[in-house]
Amino acid sequence: MSAIHTHDMPASQPLEHGDPATPRSSTSPWLWAALILALLAAALLWLRPAGPGETTVPAIGEQAAPAITPQAPMAAEPGTSTGNTAARKPVPALRNRDARPLAGNAKPSYPPAALRSGVEGGVVARLDIDAQGQVTAASIVSRHGQRSRDLDRAVLDSVRGWKFEPALRDGHSVASVVQVPVDFRANQ
């Protein structure tokens, strides 16, 4: 590398920053104070609690709770009756849930021919449930114990007539799939 001497440099080139001959400009303390004051004001604005009409964003990893705000009664349109003018109660948020069989569903009966023959075992039925809680399709997905068409038929005939509380996703009824295990034991 070649060394550059200040007397060898043309006059139009500025001097290097690290060069001791370069005059050093200092930053005003007032500029630093203004910068710190602006950062503090931004931090206070960011950390202040939200007002009544403002919404807040949850921190990362947190779930936002549904906002429950009281609603004022709306003015009725001309020509309609107002009915109850009391303030409406907020509707609670519904959770997601799986389909649930109703209590009045008939249990599968042990087929008499299988009972006389001493056939025991279990099956798992797969049920497709629509958004109204009706069974739209039923099939046997697994068996254990002795395999018997009578047991399969008894389960399928019974569960096809079952009714369900439909599954909920975001508060709306949706179609779902349910697996129902049924065991047949002679001592039951």
C-alpha atoms as a PDB file:
ATOM      1  CA  MET A   1       0.000   0.000   0.000  1.00  0.00           C
ATOM      2  CA  SER A   2       1.094   3.457  -0.623  1.00  0.00           C
ATOM      3  CA  ALA A   3       0.975   6.141   1.985  1.00  0.00           C
ATOM      4  CA  ILE A   4      -0.834   9.357   1.100  1.00  0.00           C
ATOM      5  CA  HIS A   5       0.647  12.490   2.466  1.00  0.00           C
ATOM      6  CA  THR A   6      -1.397  15.626   2.882  1.00  0.00           C
ATOM      7  CA  HIS A   7       1.018  17.645   0.796  1.00  0.00           C
ATOM      8  CA  ASP A   8       0.631  15.083  -2.063  1.00  0.00           C
ATOM      9  CA  MET A   9      -3.187  15.322  -2.111  1.00  0.00           C
ATOM     10  CA  PRO A  10      -4.957  17.725  -4.421  1.00  0.00           C
ATOM     11  CA  ALA A  11      -6.754  20.534  -2.635  1.00  0.00           C
ATOM     12  CA  SER A  12     -10.227  19.429  -3.861  1.00  0.00           C
ATOM     13  CA  GLN A  13     -10.165  16.086  -1.933  1.00  0.00           C
ATOM     14  CA  PRO A  14     -11.450  16.162   1.668  1.00  0.00           C
ATOM     15  CA  LEU A  15      -9.263  14.863   4.437  1.00  0.00           C
ATOM     16  CA  GLU A  16      -9.938  11.411   5.969  1.00  0.00           C
ATOM     17  CA  HIS A  17     -12.116  11.332   9.091  1.00  0.00           C
ATOM     18  CA  GLY A  18      -9.490   9.629  11.227  1.00  0.00           C
ATOM     19  CA  ASP A  19      -6.904  12.185  10.236  1.00  0.00           C
ATOM     20  CA  PRO A  20      -5.896  14.388  13.191  1.00  0.00           C
ATOM     21  CA  ALA A  21      -5.884  17.420  10.906  1.00  0.00           C
ATOM     22  CA  THR A  22      -9.661  17.026  10.319  1.00  0.00           C
ATOM     23  CA  PRO A  23     -11.679  19.501  12.398  1.00  0.00           C
ATOM     24  CA  ARG A  24     -14.194  17.669  14.572  1.00  0.00           C
ATOM     25  CA  SER A  25     -17.767  18.966  14.817  1.00  0.00           C
ATOM     26  CA  SER A  26     -19.540  18.200  18.079  1.00  0.00           C
ATOM     27  CA  THR A  27     -23.244  17.503  18.408  1.00  0.00           C
ATOM     28  CA  SER A  28     -25.127  20.034  20.436  1.00  0.00           C
ATOM     29  CA  PRO A  29     -26.262  18.851  23.885  1.00  0.00           C
ATOM     30  CA  TRP A  30     -29.634  20.431  23.090  1.00  0.00           C
ATOM     31  CA  LEU A  31     -30.048  18.064  20.137  1.00  0.00           C
ATOM     32  CA  TRP A  32     -29.337  15.062  22.378  1.00  0.00           C
ATOM     33  CA  ALA A  33     -31.823  16.311  24.995  1.00  0.00           C
ATOM     34  CA  ALA A  34     -34.512  16.756  22.315  1.00  0.00           C
ATOM     35  CA  LEU A  35     -33.887  13.228  21.000  1.00  0.00           C
ATOM     36  CA  ILE A  36     -34.172  11.703  24.489  1.00  0.00           C
ATOM     37  CA  LEU A  37     -37.320  13.722  25.205  1.00  0.00           C
ATOM     38  CA  ALA A  38     -38.917  12.520  21.947  1.00  0.00           C
ATOM     39  CA  LEU A  39     -38.104   8.877  22.793  1.00  0.00           C
ATOM     40  CA  LEU A  40     -39.630   9.237  26.270  1.00  0.00           C
ATOM     41  CA  ALA A  41     -42.783  10.816  24.835  1.00  0.00           C
ATOM     42  CA  ALA A  42     -43.115   7.979  22.285  1.00  0.00           C
ATOM     43  CA  ALA A  43     -42.671   5.368  25.037  1.00  0.00           C
ATOM     44  CA  LEU A  44     -45.325   7.007  27.239  1.00  0.00           C
ATOM     45  CA  LEU A  45     -47.731   7.205  24.297  1.00  0.00           C
ATOM     46  CA  TRP A  46     -47.129   3.533  23.502  1.00  0.00           C
ATOM     47  CA  LEU A  47     -47.555   2.307  27.099  1.00  0.00           C
ATOM     48  CA  ARG A  48     -50.591   4.375  28.105  1.00  0.00           C
ATOM     49  CA  PRO A  49     -53.840   2.450  28.783  1.00  0.00           C
ATOM     50  CA  ALA A  50     -56.443   2.404  26.029  1.00  0.00           C
ATOM     51  CA  GLY A  51     -59.359   4.780  26.315  1.00  0.00           C
ATOM     52  CA  PRO A  52     -63.024   3.693  26.320  1.00  0.00           C
ATOM     53  CA  GLY A  53     -63.449   3.852  22.534  1.00  0.00           C
ATOM     54  CA  GLU A  54     -60.104   2.318  21.632  1.00  0.00           C
ATOM     55  CA  THR A  55     -59.178  -1.300  21.124  1.00  0.00           C
ATOM     56  CA  THR A  56     -55.971  -2.930  22.225  1.00  0.00           C
ATOM     57  CA  VAL A  57     -53.954  -5.581  20.442  1.00  0.00           C
ATOM     58  CA  PRO A  58     -53.014  -8.608  22.613  1.00  0.00           C
ATOM     59  CA  ALA A  59     -49.371  -9.404  23.178  1.00  0.00           C
ATOM     60  CA  ILE A  60     -47.783 -12.182  21.176  1.00  0.00           C
ATOM     61  CA  GLY A  61     -48.859 -15.569  22.544  1.00  0.00           C
ATOM     62  CA  GLU A  62     -52.009 -14.208  24.215  1.00  0.00           C
ATOM     63  CA  GLN A  63     -55.532 -14.700  22.960  1.00  0.00           C
ATOM     64  CA  ALA A  64     -57.837 -11.759  22.687  1.00  0.00           C
ATOM     65  CA  ALA A  65     -60.934 -11.985  24.837  1.00  0.00           C
ATOM     66  CA  PRO A  66     -64.130 -11.020  23.077  1.00  0.00           C
ATOM     67  CA  ALA A  67     -65.084  -7.446  23.704  1.00  0.00           C
ATOM     68  CA  ILE A  68     -68.371  -7.091  25.533  1.00  0.00           C
ATOM     69  CA  THR A  69     -69.839  -3.662  25.109  1.00  0.00           C
ATOM     70  CA  PRO A  70     -73.265  -2.583  26.236  1.00  0.00           C
ATOM     71  CA  GLN A  71     -75.466  -1.714  23.298  1.00  0.00           C
ATOM     72  CA  ALA A  72     -77.920   1.129  23.292  1.00  0.00           C
ATOM     73  CA  PRO A  73     -81.389   0.338  22.016  1.00  0.00           C
ATOM     74  CA  MET A  74     -81.691   1.135  18.327  1.00  0.00           C
ATOM     75  CA  ALA A  75     -84.380   3.445  17.062  1.00  0.00           C
ATOM     76  CA  ALA A  76     -87.230   1.596  15.406  1.00  0.00           C
ATOM     77  CA  GLU A  77     -87.914   2.111  11.746  1.00  0.00           C
ATOM     78  CA  PRO A  78     -91.117   3.966  10.935  1.00  0.00           C
ATOM     79  CA  GLY A  79     -94.087   1.631  10.725  1.00  0.00           C
ATOM     80  CA  THR A  80     -92.666  -1.067  13.028  1.00  0.00           C
ATOM     81  CA  SER A  81     -93.490  -1.672  16.668  1.00  0.00           C
ATOM     82  CA  THR A  82     -90.770  -1.024  19.190  1.00  0.00           C
ATOM     83  CA  GLY A  83     -91.601  -3.953  21.491  1.00  0.00           C
ATOM     84  CA  ASN A  84     -89.179  -4.188  24.398  1.00  0.00           C
ATOM     85  CA  THR A  85     -87.077  -1.028  24.619  1.00  0.00           C
ATOM     86  CA  ALA A  86     -84.846  -2.258  27.440  1.00  0.00           C
ATOM     87  CA  ALA A  87     -81.131  -2.544  26.744  1.00  0.00           C
ATOM     88  CA  ARG A  88     -80.199  -5.919  25.278  1.00  0.00           C
ATOM     89  CA  LYS A  89     -77.917  -8.219  27.201  1.00  0.00           C
ATOM     90  CA  PRO A  90     -74.688  -9.125  25.380  1.00  0.00           C
ATOM     91  CA  VAL A  91     -74.703 -12.620  23.946  1.00  0.00           C
ATOM     92  CA  PRO A  92     -71.917 -14.767  25.445  1.00  0.00           C
ATOM     93  CA  ALA A  93     -69.316 -16.017  22.998  1.00  0.00           C
ATOM     94  CA  LEU A  94     -69.828 -19.663  22.052  1.00  0.00           C
ATOM     95  CA  ARG A  95     -66.885 -22.010  22.110  1.00  0.00           C
ATOM     96  CA  ASN A  96     -65.964 -24.628  19.587  1.00  0.00           C
ATOM     97  CA  ARG A  97     -67.215 -28.087  20.489  1.00  0.00           C
ATOM     98  CA  ASP A  98     -67.601 -31.536  18.985  1.00  0.00           C
ATOM     99  CA  ALA A  99     -70.944 -33.145  18.191  1.00  0.00           C
ATOM    100  CA  ARG A 100     -72.618 -34.786  21.201  1.00  0.00           C
ATOM    101  CA  PRO A 101     -75.222 -37.570  21.083  1.00  0.00           C
ATOM    102  CA  LEU A 102     -78.594 -36.749  22.635  1.00  0.00           C
ATOM    103  CA  ALA A 103     -79.628 -38.619  25.781  1.00  0.00           C
ATOM    104  CA  GLY A 104     -82.692 -40.221  24.161  1.00  0.00           C
ATOM    105  CA  ASN A 105     -80.710 -42.209  21.571  1.00  0.00           C
ATOM    106  CA  ALA A 106     -81.430 -45.950  21.737  1.00  0.00           C
ATOM    107  CA  LYS A 107     -78.459 -48.152  22.636  1.00  0.00           C
ATOM    108  CA  PRO A 108     -77.622 -50.949  20.193  1.00  0.00           C
ATOM    109  CA  SER A 109     -79.291 -54.178  21.274  1.00  0.00           C
ATOM    110  CA  TYR A 110     -77.391 -57.454  21.489  1.00  0.00           C
ATOM    111  CA  PRO A 111     -78.529 -59.571  18.514  1.00  0.00           C
ATOM    112  CA  PRO A 112     -80.310 -62.700  19.864  1.00  0.00           C
ATOM    113  CA  ALA A 113     -78.566 -65.029  17.376  1.00  0.00           C
ATOM    114  CA  ALA A 114     -75.127 -63.698  18.432  1.00  0.00           C
ATOM    115  CA  LEU A 115     -76.062 -63.970  22.113  1.00  0.00           C
ATOM    116  CA  ARG A 116     -77.194 -67.617  21.686  1.00  0.00           C
ATOM    117  CA  SER A 117     -73.983 -68.410  19.800  1.00  0.00           C
ATOM    118  CA  GLY A 118     -71.834 -66.798  22.509  1.00  0.00           C
ATOM    119  CA  VAL A 119     -70.357 -64.229  20.099  1.00  0.00           C
ATOM    120  CA  GLU A 120     -68.659 -61.382  21.970  1.00  0.00           C
ATOM    121  CA  GLY A 121     -66.695 -58.434  20.717  1.00  0.00           C
ATOM    122  CA  GLY A 122     -66.796 -54.766  19.955  1.00  0.00           C
ATOM    123  CA  VAL A 123     -66.989 -52.461  17.006  1.00  0.00           C
ATOM    124  CA  VAL A 124     -66.212 -48.807  16.397  1.00  0.00           C
ATOM    125  CA  ALA A 125     -68.688 -47.020  14.135  1.00  0.00           C
ATOM    126  CA  ARG A 126     -67.792 -43.873  12.202  1.00  0.00           C
ATOM    127  CA  LEU A 127     -70.721 -41.464  11.885  1.00  0.00           C
ATOM    128  CA  ASP A 128     -70.933 -38.453   9.587  1.00  0.00           C
ATOM    129  CA  ILE A 129     -73.076 -35.789  11.277  1.00  0.00           C
ATOM    130  CA  ASP A 130     -74.552 -32.848   9.335  1.00  0.00           C
ATOM    131  CA  ALA A 131     -74.970 -29.296  10.651  1.00  0.00           C
ATOM    132  CA  GLN A 132     -78.488 -30.138  11.909  1.00  0.00           C
ATOM    133  CA  GLY A 133     -77.285 -33.075  14.042  1.00  0.00           C
ATOM    134  CA  GLN A 134     -78.584 -35.855  11.757  1.00  0.00           C
ATOM    135  CA  VAL A 135     -76.499 -38.929  10.885  1.00  0.00           C
ATOM    136  CA  THR A 136     -75.839 -38.847   7.133  1.00  0.00           C
ATOM    137  CA  ALA A 137     -73.531 -41.882   6.874  1.00  0.00           C
ATOM    138  CA  ALA A 138     -72.408 -44.699   9.159  1.00  0.00           C
ATOM    139  CA  SER A 139     -69.716 -47.342   8.725  1.00  0.00           C
ATOM    140  CA  ILE A 140     -67.671 -49.761  10.838  1.00  0.00           C
ATOM    141  CA  VAL A 141     -64.026 -48.704  11.087  1.00  0.00           C
ATOM    142  CA  SER A 142     -62.635 -51.327  13.464  1.00  0.00           C
ATOM    143  CA  ARG A 143     -63.544 -54.513  15.331  1.00  0.00           C
ATOM    144  CA  HIS A 144     -62.139 -56.447  18.261  1.00  0.00           C
ATOM    145  CA  GLY A 145     -63.067 -59.853  19.587  1.00  0.00           C
ATOM    146  CA  GLN A 146     -65.061 -62.191  17.384  1.00  0.00           C
ATOM    147  CA  ARG A 147     -66.079 -60.794  14.025  1.00  0.00           C
ATOM    148  CA  SER A 148     -69.824 -60.981  13.476  1.00  0.00           C
ATOM    149  CA  ARG A 149     -72.030 -59.427  10.808  1.00  0.00           C
ATOM    150  CA  ASP A 150     -74.879 -59.519  13.326  1.00  0.00           C
ATOM    151  CA  LEU A 151     -72.977 -57.219  15.696  1.00  0.00           C
ATOM    152  CA  ASP A 152     -72.036 -54.865  12.846  1.00  0.00           C
ATOM    153  CA  ARG A 153     -75.628 -54.733  11.589  1.00  0.00           C
ATOM    154  CA  ALA A 154     -77.039 -54.129  15.099  1.00  0.00           C
ATOM    155  CA  VAL A 155     -74.692 -51.173  15.657  1.00  0.00           C
ATOM    156  CA  LEU A 156     -75.280 -49.621  12.231  1.00  0.00           C
ATOM    157  CA  ASP A 157     -79.076 -50.016  12.420  1.00  0.00           C
ATOM    158  CA  SER A 158     -79.116 -48.365  15.842  1.00  0.00           C
ATOM    159  CA  VAL A 159     -76.732 -45.416  15.257  1.00  0.00           C
ATOM    160  CA  ARG A 160     -78.242 -44.413  11.895  1.00  0.00           C
ATOM    161  CA  GLY A 161     -81.298 -43.165  13.806  1.00  0.00           C
ATOM    162  CA  TRP A 162     -79.346 -41.226  16.423  1.00  0.00           C
ATOM    163  CA  LYS A 163     -79.643 -37.449  16.855  1.00  0.00           C
ATOM    164  CA  PHE A 164     -76.789 -35.175  17.914  1.00  0.00           C
ATOM    165  CA  GLU A 165     -76.137 -31.681  19.135  1.00  0.00           C
ATOM    166  CA  PRO A 166     -74.169 -30.487  16.106  1.00  0.00           C
ATOM    167  CA  ALA A 167     -70.514 -29.517  16.339  1.00  0.00           C
ATOM    168  CA  LEU A 168     -69.797 -25.789  16.671  1.00  0.00           C
ATOM    169  CA  ARG A 169     -66.971 -23.837  15.064  1.00  0.00           C
ATOM    170  CA  ASP A 170     -66.838 -20.111  15.779  1.00  0.00           C
ATOM    171  CA  GLY A 171     -70.404 -20.295  17.080  1.00  0.00           C
ATOM    172  CA  HIS A 172     -71.850 -21.866  13.910  1.00  0.00           C
ATOM    173  CA  SER A 173     -73.151 -25.421  13.473  1.00  0.00           C
ATOM    174  CA  VAL A 174     -70.934 -27.473  11.167  1.00  0.00           C
ATOM    175  CA  ALA A 175     -70.819 -31.013   9.810  1.00  0.00           C
ATOM    176  CA  SER A 176     -68.483 -33.370  11.676  1.00  0.00           C
ATOM    177  CA  VAL A 177     -67.379 -36.970  12.124  1.00  0.00           C
ATOM    178  CA  VAL A 178     -67.851 -38.966  15.340  1.00  0.00           C
ATOM    179  CA  GLN A 179     -66.543 -42.412  16.281  1.00  0.00           C
ATOM    180  CA  VAL A 180     -68.743 -44.479  18.576  1.00  0.00           C
ATOM    181  CA  PRO A 181     -67.335 -47.596  20.302  1.00  0.00           C
ATOM    182  CA  VAL A 182     -69.833 -50.365  21.184  1.00  0.00           C
ATOM    183  CA  ASP A 183     -68.941 -53.484  23.202  1.00  0.00           C
ATOM    184  CA  PHE A 184     -71.045 -56.658  23.266  1.00  0.00           C
ATOM    185  CA  ARG A 185     -70.489 -58.919  26.287  1.00  0.00           C
ATOM    186  CA  ALA A 186     -72.714 -61.870  27.190  1.00  0.00           C
ATOM    187  CA  ASN A 187     -72.664 -61.025  30.911  1.00  0.00           C
ATOM    188  CA  GLN A 188     -74.095 -57.511  30.396  1.00  0.00           C
END
